[in-house]
């Protein structure tokens, strides 16, 4: 299947924030991915009702929590995909490359 389920971990994190024990959240996400695999869809394409069948704790805010912009922005650690982490990494790369390029803009 062509879907990578990049937001599966974020669904588990969302469930934990809703009070679901991690072990159960992991199981729910596994069942969610299997369902999506069978139906040929992405996690974010499942209707709210289907997600709630798997986990009643899921609410309408789940789509924001598992949206790609949100999951990228949430990773602002060094080397992460968040905007601040990327900007910082680019600045470090420019600082490193500038002397190698004879002071020219990198």
PDB file of N, CA and C in Angstrom:
ATOM      1  N   UNK A   1       0.847  -1.192   0.000  1.00  0.00           N
ATOM      2  CA  UNK A   1       0.000   0.000   0.000  1.00  0.00           C
ATOM      3  C   UNK A   1       0.884   1.243   0.000  1.00  0.00           C
ATOM      4  N   UNK A   2       0.400   2.324  -0.528  1.00  0.00           N
ATOM      5  CA  UNK A   2       1.218   3.520  -0.684  1.00  0.00           C
ATOM      6  C   UNK A   2       1.220   4.444   0.536  1.00  0.00           C
ATOM      7  N   UNK A   3       0.444   4.143   1.559  1.00  0.00           N
ATOM      8  CA  UNK A   3       0.378   5.008   2.722  1.00  0.00           C
ATOM      9  C   UNK A   3       1.408   4.583   3.752  1.00  0.00           C
ATOM     10  N   UNK A   4       2.107   5.565   4.336  1.00  0.00           N
ATOM     11  CA  UNK A   4       3.139   5.251   5.306  1.00  0.00           C
ATOM     12  C   UNK A   4       2.697   5.398   6.748  1.00  0.00           C
ATOM     13  N   UNK A   5       1.535   5.953   6.975  1.00  0.00           N
ATOM     14  CA  UNK A   5       1.021   6.138   8.331  1.00  0.00           C
ATOM     15  C   UNK A   5       2.003   6.929   9.196  1.00  0.00           C
ATOM     16  N   UNK A   6       2.516   8.013   8.636  1.00  0.00           N
ATOM     17  CA  UNK A   6       3.492   8.841   9.340  1.00  0.00           C
ATOM     18  C   UNK A   6       2.947   9.423  10.634  1.00  0.00           C
ATOM     19  N   UNK A   7       1.640   9.534  10.740  1.00  0.00           N
ATOM     20  CA  UNK A   7       1.044  10.144  11.925  1.00  0.00           C
ATOM     21  C   UNK A   7       0.523   9.116  12.934  1.00  0.00           C
ATOM     22  N   UNK A   8       0.899   7.863  12.787  1.00  0.00           N
ATOM     23  CA  UNK A   8       0.444   6.825  13.721  1.00  0.00           C
ATOM     24  C   UNK A   8       0.946   7.106  15.136  1.00  0.00           C
ATOM     25  N   UNK A   9       2.198   7.481  15.265  1.00  0.00           N
ATOM     26  CA  UNK A   9       2.752   7.794  16.590  1.00  0.00           C
ATOM     27  C   UNK A   9       2.012   8.971  17.213  1.00  0.00           C
ATOM     28  N   UNK A  10       1.644   9.921  16.385  1.00  0.00           N
ATOM     29  CA  UNK A  10       0.935  11.098  16.893  1.00  0.00           C
ATOM     30  C   UNK A  10      -0.477  10.746  17.348  1.00  0.00           C
ATOM     31  N   UNK A  11      -1.074   9.762  16.700  1.00  0.00           N
ATOM     32  CA  UNK A  11      -2.377   9.287  17.176  1.00  0.00           C
ATOM     33  C   UNK A  11      -2.220   8.638  18.550  1.00  0.00           C
ATOM     34  N   UNK A  12      -1.168   7.864  18.732  1.00  0.00           N
ATOM     35  CA  UNK A  12      -0.913   7.258  20.052  1.00  0.00           C
ATOM     36  C   UNK A  12      -0.682   8.341  21.100  1.00  0.00           C
ATOM     37  N   UNK A  13       0.115   9.345  20.769  1.00  0.00           N
ATOM     38  CA  UNK A  13       0.364  10.448  21.705  1.00  0.00           C
ATOM     39  C   UNK A  13      -0.941  11.165  22.048  1.00  0.00           C
ATOM     40  N   UNK A  14      -1.781  11.372  21.048  1.00  0.00           N
ATOM     41  CA  UNK A  14      -3.080  12.012  21.254  1.00  0.00           C
ATOM     42  C   UNK A  14      -3.914  11.205  22.249  1.00  0.00           C
ATOM     43  N   UNK A  15      -3.967   9.892  22.042  1.00  0.00           N
ATOM     44  CA  UNK A  15      -4.755   9.039  22.928  1.00  0.00           C
ATOM     45  C   UNK A  15      -4.226   9.076  24.358  1.00  0.00           C
ATOM     46  N   UNK A  16      -2.915   9.090  24.513  1.00  0.00           N
ATOM     47  CA  UNK A  16      -2.320   9.167  25.852  1.00  0.00           C
ATOM     48  C   UNK A  16      -2.713  10.486  26.517  1.00  0.00           C
ATOM     49  N   UNK A  17      -2.685  11.580  25.747  1.00  0.00           N
ATOM     50  CA  UNK A  17      -3.110  12.875  26.307  1.00  0.00           C
ATOM     51  C   UNK A  17      -4.580  12.841  26.724  1.00  0.00           C
ATOM     52  N   UNK A  18      -5.380  11.984  26.114  1.00  0.00           N
ATOM     53  CA  UNK A  18      -6.793  11.843  26.467  1.00  0.00           C
ATOM     54  C   UNK A  18      -6.993  10.878  27.635  1.00  0.00           C
ATOM     55  N   UNK A  19      -5.888  10.362  28.192  1.00  0.00           N
ATOM     56  CA  UNK A  19      -5.987   9.502  29.367  1.00  0.00           C
ATOM     57  C   UNK A  19      -5.923   8.012  29.084  1.00  0.00           C
ATOM     58  N   UNK A  20      -5.697   7.643  27.844  1.00  0.00           N
ATOM     59  CA  UNK A  20      -5.593   6.221  27.485  1.00  0.00           C
ATOM     60  C   UNK A  20      -4.195   5.742  27.873  1.00  0.00           C
ATOM     61  N   UNK A  21      -4.084   4.631  28.594  1.00  0.00           N
ATOM     62  CA  UNK A  21      -2.759   4.094  28.911  1.00  0.00           C
ATOM     63  C   UNK A  21      -1.990   3.785  27.615  1.00  0.00           C
ATOM     64  N   UNK A  22      -0.677   4.002  27.640  1.00  0.00           N
ATOM     65  CA  UNK A  22       0.105   3.858  26.412  1.00  0.00           C
ATOM     66  C   UNK A  22      -0.045   2.476  25.781  1.00  0.00           C
ATOM     67  N   UNK A  23      -0.047   1.452  26.583  1.00  0.00           N
ATOM     68  CA  UNK A  23      -0.151   0.097  26.030  1.00  0.00           C
ATOM     69  C   UNK A  23      -1.440  -0.061  25.220  1.00  0.00           C
ATOM     70  N   UNK A  24      -2.541   0.465  25.760  1.00  0.00           N
ATOM     71  CA  UNK A  24      -3.819   0.395  25.041  1.00  0.00           C
ATOM     72  C   UNK A  24      -3.795   1.302  23.807  1.00  0.00           C
ATOM     73  N   UNK A  25      -3.186   2.487  23.936  1.00  0.00           N
ATOM     74  CA  UNK A  25      -3.078   3.404  22.788  1.00  0.00           C
ATOM     75  C   UNK A  25      -2.304   2.738  21.652  1.00  0.00           C
ATOM     76  N   UNK A  26      -1.235   2.040  21.988  1.00  0.00           N
ATOM     77  CA  UNK A  26      -0.435   1.340  20.989  1.00  0.00           C
ATOM     78  C   UNK A  26      -1.284   0.283  20.278  1.00  0.00           C
ATOM     79  N   UNK A  27      -2.083  -0.444  21.041  1.00  0.00           N
ATOM     80  CA  UNK A  27      -2.964  -1.463  20.459  1.00  0.00           C
ATOM     81  C   UNK A  27      -4.007  -0.827  19.543  1.00  0.00           C
ATOM     82  N   UNK A  28      -4.580   0.271  19.978  1.00  0.00           N
ATOM     83  CA  UNK A  28      -5.594   0.974  19.179  1.00  0.00           C
ATOM     84  C   UNK A  28      -4.993   1.445  17.859  1.00  0.00           C
ATOM     85  N   UNK A  29      -3.808   2.008  17.930  1.00  0.00           N
ATOM     86  CA  UNK A  29      -3.157   2.501  16.713  1.00  0.00           C
ATOM     87  C   UNK A  29      -2.852   1.338  15.775  1.00  0.00           C
ATOM     88  N   UNK A  30      -2.408   0.219  16.319  1.00  0.00           N
ATOM     89  CA  UNK A  30      -2.167  -0.955  15.485  1.00  0.00           C
ATOM     90  C   UNK A  30      -3.432  -1.400  14.760  1.00  0.00           C
ATOM     91  N   UNK A  31      -4.545  -1.420  15.482  1.00  0.00           N
ATOM     92  CA  UNK A  31      -5.821  -1.797  14.860  1.00  0.00           C
ATOM     93  C   UNK A  31      -6.256  -0.753  13.829  1.00  0.00           C
ATOM     94  N   UNK A  32      -5.965   0.512  14.124  1.00  0.00           N
ATOM     95  CA  UNK A  32      -6.311   1.591  13.190  1.00  0.00           C
ATOM     96  C   UNK A  32      -5.538   1.430  11.889  1.00  0.00           C
ATOM     97  N   UNK A  33      -4.248   1.166  11.994  1.00  0.00           N
ATOM     98  CA  UNK A  33      -3.419   0.991  10.800  1.00  0.00           C
ATOM     99  C   UNK A  33      -3.884  -0.227   9.998  1.00  0.00           C
ATOM    100  N   UNK A  34      -4.212  -1.321  10.676  1.00  0.00           N
ATOM    101  CA  UNK A  34      -4.729  -2.499   9.968  1.00  0.00           C
ATOM    102  C   UNK A  34      -6.019  -2.175   9.229  1.00  0.00           C
ATOM    103  N   UNK A  35      -6.905  -1.428   9.888  1.00  0.00           N
ATOM    104  CA  UNK A  35      -8.157  -1.021   9.257  1.00  0.00           C
ATOM    105  C   UNK A  35      -7.880  -0.176   8.011  1.00  0.00           C
ATOM    106  N   UNK A  36      -7.002   0.793   8.152  1.00  0.00           N
ATOM    107  CA  UNK A  36      -6.663   1.659   7.022  1.00  0.00           C
ATOM    108  C   UNK A  36      -6.029   0.853   5.892  1.00  0.00           C
ATOM    109  N   UNK A  37      -5.193  -0.082   6.255  1.00  0.00           N
ATOM    110  CA  UNK A  37      -4.549  -0.924   5.256  1.00  0.00           C
ATOM    111  C   UNK A  37      -5.596  -1.724   4.479  1.00  0.00           C
ATOM    112  N   UNK A  38      -6.553  -2.287   5.192  1.00  0.00           N
ATOM    113  CA  UNK A  38      -7.630  -3.063   4.545  1.00  0.00           C
ATOM    114  C   UNK A  38      -8.489  -2.177   3.642  1.00  0.00           C
ATOM    115  N   UNK A  39      -8.759  -0.955   4.116  1.00  0.00           N
ATOM    116  CA  UNK A  39      -9.671  -0.068   3.382  1.00  0.00           C
ATOM    117  C   UNK A  39      -8.951   0.829   2.381  1.00  0.00           C
ATOM    118  N   UNK A  40      -7.614   0.774   2.376  1.00  0.00           N
ATOM    119  CA  UNK A  40      -6.852   1.578   1.427  1.00  0.00           C
ATOM    120  C   UNK A  40      -6.972   3.063   1.661  1.00  0.00           C
ATOM    121  N   UNK A  41      -6.890   3.461   2.925  1.00  0.00           N
ATOM    122  CA  UNK A  41      -7.006   4.884   3.246  1.00  0.00           C
ATOM    123  C   UNK A  41      -5.950   5.280   4.273  1.00  0.00           C
ATOM    124  N   UNK A  42      -5.860   6.561   4.502  1.00  0.00           N
ATOM    125  CA  UNK A  42      -4.950   7.089   5.517  1.00  0.00           C
ATOM    126  C   UNK A  42      -5.710   7.245   6.831  1.00  0.00           C
ATOM    127  N   UNK A  43      -4.976   7.343   7.927  1.00  0.00           N
ATOM    128  CA  UNK A  43      -5.608   7.508   9.237  1.00  0.00           C
ATOM    129  C   UNK A  43      -6.512   8.741   9.245  1.00  0.00           C
ATOM    130  N   UNK A  44      -6.021   9.824   8.713  1.00  0.00           N
ATOM    131  CA  UNK A  44      -6.785  11.076   8.744  1.00  0.00           C
ATOM    132  C   UNK A  44      -8.008  11.040   7.832  1.00  0.00           C
ATOM    133  N   UNK A  45      -8.126  10.019   6.989  1.00  0.00           N
ATOM    134  CA  UNK A  45      -9.299   9.883   6.130  1.00  0.00           C
ATOM    135  C   UNK A  45     -10.442   9.122   6.802  1.00  0.00           C
ATOM    136  N   UNK A  46     -10.148   8.471   7.920  1.00  0.00           N
ATOM    137  CA  UNK A  46     -11.212   7.740   8.621  1.00  0.00           C
ATOM    138  C   UNK A  46     -12.203   8.730   9.227  1.00  0.00           C
ATOM    139  N   UNK A  47     -13.484   8.497   9.055  1.00  0.00           N
ATOM    140  CA  UNK A  47     -14.477   9.366   9.698  1.00  0.00           C
ATOM    141  C   UNK A  47     -14.353   9.276  11.221  1.00  0.00           C
ATOM    142  N   UNK A  48     -14.734  10.332  11.884  1.00  0.00           N
ATOM    143  CA  UNK A  48     -14.669  10.397  13.345  1.00  0.00           C
ATOM    144  C   UNK A  48     -15.368   9.194  13.975  1.00  0.00           C
ATOM    145  N   UNK A  49     -16.501   8.810  13.445  1.00  0.00           N
ATOM    146  CA  UNK A  49     -17.256   7.688  14.013  1.00  0.00           C
ATOM    147  C   UNK A  49     -16.445   6.391  13.983  1.00  0.00           C
ATOM    148  N   UNK A  50     -15.682   6.170  12.915  1.00  0.00           N
ATOM    149  CA  UNK A  50     -14.862   4.958  12.814  1.00  0.00           C
ATOM    150  C   UNK A  50     -13.736   4.990  13.839  1.00  0.00           C
ATOM    151  N   UNK A  51     -13.128   6.158  14.007  1.00  0.00           N
ATOM    152  CA  UNK A  51     -12.071   6.285  15.014  1.00  0.00           C
ATOM    153  C   UNK A  51     -12.639   6.069  16.416  1.00  0.00           C
ATOM    154  N   UNK A  52     -13.839   6.579  16.645  1.00  0.00           N
ATOM    155  CA  UNK A  52     -14.467   6.419  17.956  1.00  0.00           C
ATOM    156  C   UNK A  52     -14.878   4.970  18.229  1.00  0.00           C
ATOM    157  N   UNK A  53     -15.134   4.192  17.179  1.00  0.00           N
ATOM    158  CA  UNK A  53     -15.399   2.760  17.366  1.00  0.00           C
ATOM    159  C   UNK A  53     -14.148   2.064  17.914  1.00  0.00           C
ATOM    160  N   UNK A  54     -12.990   2.526  17.488  1.00  0.00           N
ATOM    161  CA  UNK A  54     -11.727   1.957  17.948  1.00  0.00           C
ATOM    162  C   UNK A  54     -11.335   2.503  19.317  1.00  0.00           C
ATOM    163  N   UNK A  55     -11.678   3.764  19.563  1.00  0.00           N
ATOM    164  CA  UNK A  55     -11.327   4.418  20.827  1.00  0.00           C
ATOM    165  C   UNK A  55     -12.363   5.498  21.125  1.00  0.00           C
ATOM    166  N   UNK A  56     -13.251   5.253  22.078  1.00  0.00           N
ATOM    167  CA  UNK A  56     -14.290   6.238  22.396  1.00  0.00           C
ATOM    168  C   UNK A  56     -13.723   7.577  22.879  1.00  0.00           C
ATOM    169  N   UNK A  57     -12.472   7.587  23.297  1.00  0.00           N
ATOM    170  CA  UNK A  57     -11.860   8.819  23.800  1.00  0.00           C
ATOM    171  C   UNK A  57     -11.571   9.827  22.682  1.00  0.00           C
ATOM    172  N   UNK A  58     -11.597   9.373  21.446  1.00  0.00           N
ATOM    173  CA  UNK A  58     -11.298  10.251  20.312  1.00  0.00           C
ATOM    174  C   UNK A  58     -12.399  11.285  20.155  1.00  0.00           C
ATOM    175  N   UNK A  59     -11.987  12.528  19.955  1.00  0.00           N
ATOM    176  CA  UNK A  59     -12.916  13.633  19.741  1.00  0.00           C
ATOM    177  C   UNK A  59     -12.563  14.328  18.431  1.00  0.00           C
ATOM    178  N   UNK A  60     -13.335  15.308  18.072  1.00  0.00           N
ATOM    179  CA  UNK A  60     -13.140  16.017  16.812  1.00  0.00           C
ATOM    180  C   UNK A  60     -11.783  16.676  16.662  1.00  0.00           C
ATOM    181  N   UNK A  61     -11.107  16.942  17.779  1.00  0.00           N
ATOM    182  CA  UNK A  61      -9.790  17.587  17.703  1.00  0.00           C
ATOM    183  C   UNK A  61      -8.690  16.642  17.234  1.00  0.00           C
ATOM    184  N   UNK A  62      -9.019  15.380  17.017  1.00  0.00           N
ATOM    185  CA  UNK A  62      -8.008  14.403  16.602  1.00  0.00           C
ATOM    186  C   UNK A  62      -7.384  14.785  15.261  1.00  0.00           C
ATOM    187  N   UNK A  63      -8.174  15.338  14.361  1.00  0.00           N
ATOM    188  CA  UNK A  63      -7.657  15.646  13.026  1.00  0.00           C
ATOM    189  C   UNK A  63      -6.597  16.745  13.064  1.00  0.00           C
ATOM    190  N   UNK A  64      -6.760  17.684  13.983  1.00  0.00           N
ATOM    191  CA  UNK A  64      -5.715  18.698  14.150  1.00  0.00           C
ATOM    192  C   UNK A  64      -4.466  18.060  14.732  1.00  0.00           C
ATOM    193  N   UNK A  65      -4.641  17.179  15.692  1.00  0.00           N
ATOM    194  CA  UNK A  65      -3.500  16.548  16.365  1.00  0.00           C
ATOM    195  C   UNK A  65      -2.694  15.646  15.440  1.00  0.00           C
ATOM    196  N   UNK A  66      -3.344  15.056  14.439  1.00  0.00           N
ATOM    197  CA  UNK A  66      -2.629  14.143  13.549  1.00  0.00           C
ATOM    198  C   UNK A  66      -2.394  14.745  12.164  1.00  0.00           C
ATOM    199  N   UNK A  67      -2.684  16.036  12.022  1.00  0.00           N
ATOM    200  CA  UNK A  67      -2.429  16.718  10.748  1.00  0.00           C
ATOM    201  C   UNK A  67      -0.929  16.878  10.524  1.00  0.00           C
ATOM    202  N   UNK A  68      -0.512  16.800   9.285  1.00  0.00           N
ATOM    203  CA  UNK A  68       0.920  16.805   8.985  1.00  0.00           C
ATOM    204  C   UNK A  68       1.618  18.103   9.384  1.00  0.00           C
ATOM    205  N   UNK A  69       0.974  19.236   9.207  1.00  0.00           N
ATOM    206  CA  UNK A  69       1.600  20.492   9.646  1.00  0.00           C
ATOM    207  C   UNK A  69       1.849  20.463  11.144  1.00  0.00           C
ATOM    208  N   UNK A  70       0.888  19.971  11.897  1.00  0.00           N
ATOM    209  CA  UNK A  70       1.006  19.904  13.354  1.00  0.00           C
ATOM    210  C   UNK A  70       2.104  18.932  13.769  1.00  0.00           C
ATOM    211  N   UNK A  71       2.149  17.756  13.153  1.00  0.00           N
ATOM    212  CA  UNK A  71       3.140  16.770  13.598  1.00  0.00           C
ATOM    213  C   UNK A  71       4.551  17.203  13.235  1.00  0.00           C
ATOM    214  N   UNK A  72       4.706  17.932  12.138  1.00  0.00           N
ATOM    215  CA  UNK A  72       6.035  18.452  11.802  1.00  0.00           C
ATOM    216  C   UNK A  72       6.424  19.565  12.772  1.00  0.00           C
ATOM    217  N   UNK A  73       5.497  20.478  13.036  1.00  0.00           N
ATOM    218  CA  UNK A  73       5.783  21.618  13.908  1.00  0.00           C
ATOM    219  C   UNK A  73       6.085  21.189  15.337  1.00  0.00           C
ATOM    220  N   UNK A  74       5.536  20.068  15.772  1.00  0.00           N
ATOM    221  CA  UNK A  74       5.708  19.620  17.152  1.00  0.00           C
ATOM    222  C   UNK A  74       7.116  19.117  17.434  1.00  0.00           C
ATOM    223  N   UNK A  75       7.895  18.882  16.410  1.00  0.00           N
ATOM    224  CA  UNK A  75       9.239  18.308  16.587  1.00  0.00           C
ATOM    225  C   UNK A  75      10.297  19.388  16.423  1.00  0.00           C
ATOM    226  N   UNK A  76      10.454  20.183  17.470  1.00  0.00           N
ATOM    227  CA  UNK A  76      11.397  21.289  17.420  1.00  0.00           C
ATOM    228  C   UNK A  76      12.710  21.001  18.126  1.00  0.00           C
ATOM    229  N   UNK A  77      13.002  19.742  18.410  1.00  0.00           N
ATOM    230  CA  UNK A  77      14.306  19.382  18.978  1.00  0.00           C
ATOM    231  C   UNK A  77      15.365  19.525  17.892  1.00  0.00           C
ATOM    232  N   UNK A  78      16.619  19.619  18.292  1.00  0.00           N
ATOM    233  CA  UNK A  78      17.712  19.714  17.331  1.00  0.00           C
ATOM    234  C   UNK A  78      17.612  18.552  16.353  1.00  0.00           C
ATOM    235  N   UNK A  79      17.620  18.873  15.064  1.00  0.00           N
ATOM    236  CA  UNK A  79      17.505  17.858  14.037  1.00  0.00           C
ATOM    237  C   UNK A  79      16.083  17.486  13.702  1.00  0.00           C
ATOM    238  N   UNK A  80      15.122  18.112  14.378  1.00  0.00           N
ATOM    239  CA  UNK A  80      13.717  17.798  14.155  1.00  0.00           C
ATOM    240  C   UNK A  80      13.159  18.486  12.929  1.00  0.00           C
ATOM    241  N   UNK A  81      11.887  18.240  12.680  1.00  0.00           N
ATOM    242  CA  UNK A  81      11.213  18.762  11.494  1.00  0.00           C
ATOM    243  C   UNK A  81      10.443  20.054  11.755  1.00  0.00           C
ATOM    244  N   UNK A  82      10.409  20.505  13.005  1.00  0.00           N
ATOM    245  CA  UNK A  82       9.694  21.738  13.325  1.00  0.00           C
ATOM    246  C   UNK A  82      10.357  22.942  12.688  1.00  0.00           C
ATOM    247  N   UNK A  83       9.602  23.992  12.431  1.00  0.00           N
ATOM    248  CA  UNK A  83      10.144  25.175  11.757  1.00  0.00           C
ATOM    249  C   UNK A  83      11.362  25.774  12.448  1.00  0.00           C
ATOM    250  N   UNK A  84      11.331  25.872  13.772  1.00  0.00           N
ATOM    251  CA  UNK A  84      12.481  26.437  14.478  1.00  0.00           C
ATOM    252  C   UNK A  84      13.700  25.533  14.362  1.00  0.00           C
ATOM    253  N   UNK A  85      13.498  24.223  14.452  1.00  0.00           N
ATOM    254  CA  UNK A  85      14.608  23.277  14.337  1.00  0.00           C
ATOM    255  C   UNK A  85      15.213  23.334  12.942  1.00  0.00           C
ATOM    256  N   UNK A  86      14.385  23.425  11.921  1.00  0.00           N
ATOM    257  CA  UNK A  86      14.881  23.494  10.550  1.00  0.00           C
ATOM    258  C   UNK A  86      15.639  24.800  10.330  1.00  0.00           C
ATOM    259  N   UNK A  87      15.088  25.917  10.803  1.00  0.00           N
ATOM    260  CA  UNK A  87      15.762  27.209  10.647  1.00  0.00           C
ATOM    261  C   UNK A  87      17.111  27.204  11.365  1.00  0.00           C
ATOM    262  N   UNK A  88      17.140  26.643  12.557  1.00  0.00           N
ATOM    263  CA  UNK A  88      18.388  26.555  13.311  1.00  0.00           C
ATOM    264  C   UNK A  88      19.410  25.680  12.586  1.00  0.00           C
ATOM    265  N   UNK A  89      18.967  24.557  12.051  1.00  0.00           N
ATOM    266  CA  UNK A  89      19.858  23.672  11.303  1.00  0.00           C
ATOM    267  C   UNK A  89      20.419  24.341  10.063  1.00  0.00           C
ATOM    268  N   UNK A  90      19.579  25.084   9.366  1.00  0.00           N
ATOM    269  CA  UNK A  90      20.047  25.814   8.187  1.00  0.00           C
ATOM    270  C   UNK A  90      21.085  26.865   8.561  1.00  0.00           C
ATOM    271  N   UNK A  91      20.839  27.557   9.659  1.00  0.00           N
ATOM    272  CA  UNK A  91      21.797  28.584  10.104  1.00  0.00           C
ATOM    273  C   UNK A  91      23.138  27.953  10.464  1.00  0.00           C
ATOM    274  N   UNK A  92      23.098  26.822  11.180  1.00  0.00           N
ATOM    275  CA  UNK A  92      24.346  26.123  11.511  1.00  0.00           C
ATOM    276  C   UNK A  92      25.074  25.669  10.252  1.00  0.00           C
ATOM    277  N   UNK A  93      24.333  25.174   9.266  1.00  0.00           N
ATOM    278  CA  UNK A  93      24.946  24.733   8.005  1.00  0.00           C
ATOM    279  C   UNK A  93      25.571  25.905   7.270  1.00  0.00           C
ATOM    280  N   UNK A  94      24.879  27.037   7.239  1.00  0.00           N
ATOM    281  CA  UNK A  94      25.436  28.229   6.580  1.00  0.00           C
ATOM    282  C   UNK A  94      26.718  28.689   7.272  1.00  0.00           C
ATOM    283  N   UNK A  95      26.690  28.697   8.600  1.00  0.00           N
ATOM    284  CA  UNK A  95      27.875  29.109   9.359  1.00  0.00           C
ATOM    285  C   UNK A  95      29.051  28.178   9.089  1.00  0.00           C
ATOM    286  N   UNK A  96      28.784  26.914   8.950  1.00  0.00           N
ATOM    287  CA  UNK A  96      29.836  25.940   8.664  1.00  0.00           C
ATOM    288  C   UNK A  96      30.363  26.094   7.240  1.00  0.00           C
ATOM    289  N   UNK A  97      29.460  26.312   6.303  1.00  0.00           N
ATOM    290  CA  UNK A  97      29.852  26.352   4.883  1.00  0.00           C
ATOM    291  C   UNK A  97      30.501  27.671   4.469  1.00  0.00           C
ATOM    292  N   UNK A  98      30.139  28.760   5.098  1.00  0.00           N
ATOM    293  CA  UNK A  98      30.636  30.073   4.687  1.00  0.00           C
ATOM    294  C   UNK A  98      32.172  30.129   4.614  1.00  0.00           C
ATOM    295  N   UNK A  99      32.894  29.700   5.652  1.00  0.00           N
ATOM    296  CA  UNK A  99      34.365  29.739   5.540  1.00  0.00           C
ATOM    297  C   UNK A  99      34.903  28.827   4.433  1.00  0.00           C
ATOM    298  N   UNK A 100      34.239  27.745   4.182  1.00  0.00           N
ATOM    299  CA  UNK A 100      34.687  26.818   3.143  1.00  0.00           C
ATOM    300  C   UNK A 100      34.489  27.380   1.750  1.00  0.00           C
ATOM    301  N   UNK A 101      33.514  28.270   1.636  1.00  0.00           N
ATOM    302  CA  UNK A 101      33.212  28.872   0.337  1.00  0.00           C
ATOM    303  C   UNK A 101      33.878  30.240   0.174  1.00  0.00           C
ATOM    304  N   UNK A 102      34.832  30.527   1.041  1.00  0.00           N
ATOM    305  CA  UNK A 102      35.555  31.783   0.946  1.00  0.00           C
ATOM    306  C   UNK A 102      34.729  32.996   1.319  1.00  0.00           C
ATOM    307  N   UNK A 103      33.777  32.805   2.235  1.00  0.00           N
ATOM    308  CA  UNK A 103      32.981  33.921   2.706  1.00  0.00           C
ATOM    309  C   UNK A 103      31.794  34.243   1.817  1.00  0.00           C
ATOM    310  N   UNK A 104      31.648  33.557   0.692  1.00  0.00           N
ATOM    311  CA  UNK A 104      30.500  33.791  -0.181  1.00  0.00           C
ATOM    312  C   UNK A 104      29.232  33.306   0.507  1.00  0.00           C
ATOM    313  N   UNK A 105      28.133  33.865   0.097  1.00  0.00           N
ATOM    314  CA  UNK A 105      26.857  33.420   0.676  1.00  0.00           C
ATOM    315  C   UNK A 105      26.647  31.955   0.341  1.00  0.00           C
ATOM    316  N   UNK A 106      26.281  31.195   1.365  1.00  0.00           N
ATOM    317  CA  UNK A 106      26.040  29.746   1.167  1.00  0.00           C
ATOM    318  C   UNK A 106      24.654  29.526   0.658  1.00  0.00           C
TER     319      UNK A 106
END
